[in-house]
């Protein structure tokens, strides 16, 4: 019988399209994954958070095409239609648990990105 895989707390999507599972979703881990940038959550569905460097556009960071493709699936506010784009590294987590913490990345997002949790 196959053991259930542990949930993935967060994944990093680099601008070159590489996706890496992160060890946890602590604030310092997310901030380090964004190369020290301030965290900004892109507007999207409540079960997914897309975290980017708040000053990424001001810093001239490159567009993250893979993150934008995911965002197009969950952008409830049609922000992309208005011309907005995610730039730089993007970190994906689950939505809020209502207590100020994020939940693990939803399984459908992991499958879409091709991430397999360590067993």
C-alpha atoms as a PDB file:
ATOM      1  CA  UNK A   1       0.000   0.000   0.000  1.00  0.00           C
ATOM      2  CA  UNK A   2       1.373   3.407  -0.987  1.00  0.00           C
ATOM      3  CA  UNK A   3       1.973   5.914   1.802  1.00  0.00           C
ATOM      4  CA  UNK A   4       0.286   9.286   1.570  1.00  0.00           C
ATOM      5  CA  UNK A   5       2.729  12.016   0.602  1.00  0.00           C
ATOM      6  CA  UNK A   6       3.116  14.955   2.965  1.00  0.00           C
ATOM      7  CA  UNK A   7       1.633  18.249   1.823  1.00  0.00           C
ATOM      8  CA  UNK A   8       3.867  20.796   0.124  1.00  0.00           C
ATOM      9  CA  UNK A   9       3.909  24.055   2.085  1.00  0.00           C
ATOM     10  CA  UNK A  10       5.143  26.306  -0.720  1.00  0.00           C
ATOM     11  CA  UNK A  11       6.723  26.231  -4.168  1.00  0.00           C
ATOM     12  CA  UNK A  12       9.001  28.723  -5.869  1.00  0.00           C
ATOM     13  CA  UNK A  13       8.542  29.515  -9.565  1.00  0.00           C
ATOM     14  CA  UNK A  14      11.673  31.074 -11.051  1.00  0.00           C
ATOM     15  CA  UNK A  15      11.553  33.325 -14.117  1.00  0.00           C
ATOM     16  CA  UNK A  16      13.197  30.545 -16.167  1.00  0.00           C
ATOM     17  CA  UNK A  17      10.178  28.314 -15.387  1.00  0.00           C
ATOM     18  CA  UNK A  18      11.932  26.078 -12.850  1.00  0.00           C
ATOM     19  CA  UNK A  19       9.679  25.034  -9.952  1.00  0.00           C
ATOM     20  CA  UNK A  20      11.106  24.066  -6.555  1.00  0.00           C
ATOM     21  CA  UNK A  21       9.332  22.897  -3.397  1.00  0.00           C
ATOM     22  CA  UNK A  22      10.244  24.961  -0.322  1.00  0.00           C
ATOM     23  CA  UNK A  23      10.736  23.420   3.148  1.00  0.00           C
ATOM     24  CA  UNK A  24       8.015  25.520   4.781  1.00  0.00           C
ATOM     25  CA  UNK A  25       5.875  28.623   4.306  1.00  0.00           C
ATOM     26  CA  UNK A  26       7.310  30.730   7.127  1.00  0.00           C
ATOM     27  CA  UNK A  27       7.602  34.455   6.441  1.00  0.00           C
ATOM     28  CA  UNK A  28      11.414  34.357   6.397  1.00  0.00           C
ATOM     29  CA  UNK A  29      11.408  31.395   3.975  1.00  0.00           C
ATOM     30  CA  UNK A  30       9.062  33.191   1.587  1.00  0.00           C
ATOM     31  CA  UNK A  31      11.046  36.408   1.808  1.00  0.00           C
ATOM     32  CA  UNK A  32      14.341  34.575   1.202  1.00  0.00           C
ATOM     33  CA  UNK A  33      12.796  32.816  -1.808  1.00  0.00           C
ATOM     34  CA  UNK A  34      11.941  36.262  -3.197  1.00  0.00           C
ATOM     35  CA  UNK A  35      15.587  37.303  -2.796  1.00  0.00           C
ATOM     36  CA  UNK A  36      14.772  39.535   0.171  1.00  0.00           C
ATOM     37  CA  UNK A  37      11.903  41.399  -1.452  1.00  0.00           C
ATOM     38  CA  UNK A  38       8.834  42.558   0.433  1.00  0.00           C
ATOM     39  CA  UNK A  39       5.926  40.134   0.088  1.00  0.00           C
ATOM     40  CA  UNK A  40       2.907  41.081  -1.983  1.00  0.00           C
ATOM     41  CA  UNK A  41       0.013  38.703  -2.615  1.00  0.00           C
ATOM     42  CA  UNK A  42      -1.367  38.888  -6.154  1.00  0.00           C
ATOM     43  CA  UNK A  43      -5.177  39.003  -6.193  1.00  0.00           C
ATOM     44  CA  UNK A  44      -6.610  35.568  -6.946  1.00  0.00           C
ATOM     45  CA  UNK A  45      -8.819  32.752  -5.655  1.00  0.00           C
ATOM     46  CA  UNK A  46      -9.021  32.359  -1.864  1.00  0.00           C
ATOM     47  CA  UNK A  47      -7.481  28.846  -1.877  1.00  0.00           C
ATOM     48  CA  UNK A  48      -4.193  29.944  -3.520  1.00  0.00           C
ATOM     49  CA  UNK A  49      -1.714  32.724  -2.753  1.00  0.00           C
ATOM     50  CA  UNK A  50       0.826  33.960  -5.287  1.00  0.00           C
ATOM     51  CA  UNK A  51       3.564  35.900  -3.499  1.00  0.00           C
ATOM     52  CA  UNK A  52       5.868  38.249  -5.408  1.00  0.00           C
ATOM     53  CA  UNK A  53       8.353  41.028  -4.638  1.00  0.00           C
ATOM     54  CA  UNK A  54       6.213  44.102  -4.001  1.00  0.00           C
ATOM     55  CA  UNK A  55       8.798  46.301  -5.729  1.00  0.00           C
ATOM     56  CA  UNK A  56       9.571  43.876  -8.563  1.00  0.00           C
ATOM     57  CA  UNK A  57       8.297  46.135 -11.331  1.00  0.00           C
ATOM     58  CA  UNK A  58      10.186  49.130  -9.912  1.00  0.00           C
ATOM     59  CA  UNK A  59      13.333  46.964  -9.836  1.00  0.00           C
ATOM     60  CA  UNK A  60      12.815  46.030 -13.495  1.00  0.00           C
ATOM     61  CA  UNK A  61      12.530  42.289 -12.791  1.00  0.00           C
ATOM     62  CA  UNK A  62      11.657  40.107 -15.798  1.00  0.00           C
ATOM     63  CA  UNK A  63       8.153  38.777 -16.437  1.00  0.00           C
ATOM     64  CA  UNK A  64       7.564  35.332 -14.939  1.00  0.00           C
ATOM     65  CA  UNK A  65       5.655  33.591 -17.741  1.00  0.00           C
ATOM     66  CA  UNK A  66       5.016  30.328 -15.886  1.00  0.00           C
ATOM     67  CA  UNK A  67       3.639  32.161 -12.843  1.00  0.00           C
ATOM     68  CA  UNK A  68       1.454  34.319 -15.093  1.00  0.00           C
ATOM     69  CA  UNK A  69       0.072  31.217 -16.789  1.00  0.00           C
ATOM     70  CA  UNK A  70      -0.969  29.864 -13.368  1.00  0.00           C
ATOM     71  CA  UNK A  71      -2.316  33.272 -12.359  1.00  0.00           C
ATOM     72  CA  UNK A  72      -4.483  33.391 -15.484  1.00  0.00           C
ATOM     73  CA  UNK A  73      -6.333  30.334 -14.125  1.00  0.00           C
ATOM     74  CA  UNK A  74      -7.103  31.917 -10.733  1.00  0.00           C
ATOM     75  CA  UNK A  75      -7.203  35.688 -11.380  1.00  0.00           C
ATOM     76  CA  UNK A  76     -10.780  36.297 -10.250  1.00  0.00           C
ATOM     77  CA  UNK A  77     -10.435  40.061 -10.550  1.00  0.00           C
ATOM     78  CA  UNK A  78      -9.239  39.992 -14.184  1.00  0.00           C
ATOM     79  CA  UNK A  79      -6.118  41.908 -13.227  1.00  0.00           C
ATOM     80  CA  UNK A  80      -4.212  40.421 -16.143  1.00  0.00           C
ATOM     81  CA  UNK A  81      -6.870  41.618 -18.575  1.00  0.00           C
ATOM     82  CA  UNK A  82      -6.114  45.119 -17.305  1.00  0.00           C
ATOM     83  CA  UNK A  83      -2.444  44.605 -18.215  1.00  0.00           C
ATOM     84  CA  UNK A  84      -0.884  43.517 -14.933  1.00  0.00           C
ATOM     85  CA  UNK A  85       1.881  40.872 -14.957  1.00  0.00           C
ATOM     86  CA  UNK A  86       3.835  39.003 -12.299  1.00  0.00           C
ATOM     87  CA  UNK A  87       7.557  39.718 -12.432  1.00  0.00           C
ATOM     88  CA  UNK A  88      10.517  38.067 -10.760  1.00  0.00           C
ATOM     89  CA  UNK A  89      10.341  34.976  -8.611  1.00  0.00           C
ATOM     90  CA  UNK A  90       6.858  33.899  -7.500  1.00  0.00           C
ATOM     91  CA  UNK A  91       6.089  31.740  -4.469  1.00  0.00           C
ATOM     92  CA  UNK A  92       2.849  29.754  -4.360  1.00  0.00           C
ATOM     93  CA  UNK A  93       1.105  28.694  -1.153  1.00  0.00           C
ATOM     94  CA  UNK A  94      -2.395  27.672  -0.251  1.00  0.00           C
ATOM     95  CA  UNK A  95      -4.857  30.279   0.965  1.00  0.00           C
ATOM     96  CA  UNK A  96      -5.280  31.607   4.479  1.00  0.00           C
ATOM     97  CA  UNK A  97      -6.403  29.276   7.263  1.00  0.00           C
ATOM     98  CA  UNK A  98      -8.331  32.135   8.898  1.00  0.00           C
ATOM     99  CA  UNK A  99      -5.769  32.319  11.713  1.00  0.00           C
ATOM    100  CA  UNK A 100      -3.089  34.282   9.860  1.00  0.00           C
ATOM    101  CA  UNK A 101      -1.217  31.290   8.453  1.00  0.00           C
ATOM    102  CA  UNK A 102      -1.251  29.874   4.935  1.00  0.00           C
ATOM    103  CA  UNK A 103      -2.364  26.370   4.059  1.00  0.00           C
ATOM    104  CA  UNK A 104      -0.357  23.909   1.929  1.00  0.00           C
ATOM    105  CA  UNK A 105      -0.349  24.274  -1.846  1.00  0.00           C
ATOM    106  CA  UNK A 106      -3.541  22.691  -3.251  1.00  0.00           C
ATOM    107  CA  UNK A 107      -2.942  19.332  -4.983  1.00  0.00           C
ATOM    108  CA  UNK A 108      -4.330  20.587  -8.321  1.00  0.00           C
ATOM    109  CA  UNK A 109      -1.694  23.372  -8.353  1.00  0.00           C
ATOM    110  CA  UNK A 110       1.091  20.878  -7.622  1.00  0.00           C
ATOM    111  CA  UNK A 111      -0.155  18.632 -10.436  1.00  0.00           C
ATOM    112  CA  UNK A 112      -0.374  21.577 -12.816  1.00  0.00           C
ATOM    113  CA  UNK A 113       3.208  22.605 -11.998  1.00  0.00           C
ATOM    114  CA  UNK A 114       4.497  19.028 -12.044  1.00  0.00           C
ATOM    115  CA  UNK A 115       5.614  19.044  -8.381  1.00  0.00           C
ATOM    116  CA  UNK A 116       5.790  15.759  -6.479  1.00  0.00           C
ATOM    117  CA  UNK A 117       6.070  15.897  -2.695  1.00  0.00           C
ATOM    118  CA  UNK A 118       8.865  13.925  -1.071  1.00  0.00           C
ATOM    119  CA  UNK A 119       7.638  10.656   0.405  1.00  0.00           C
END
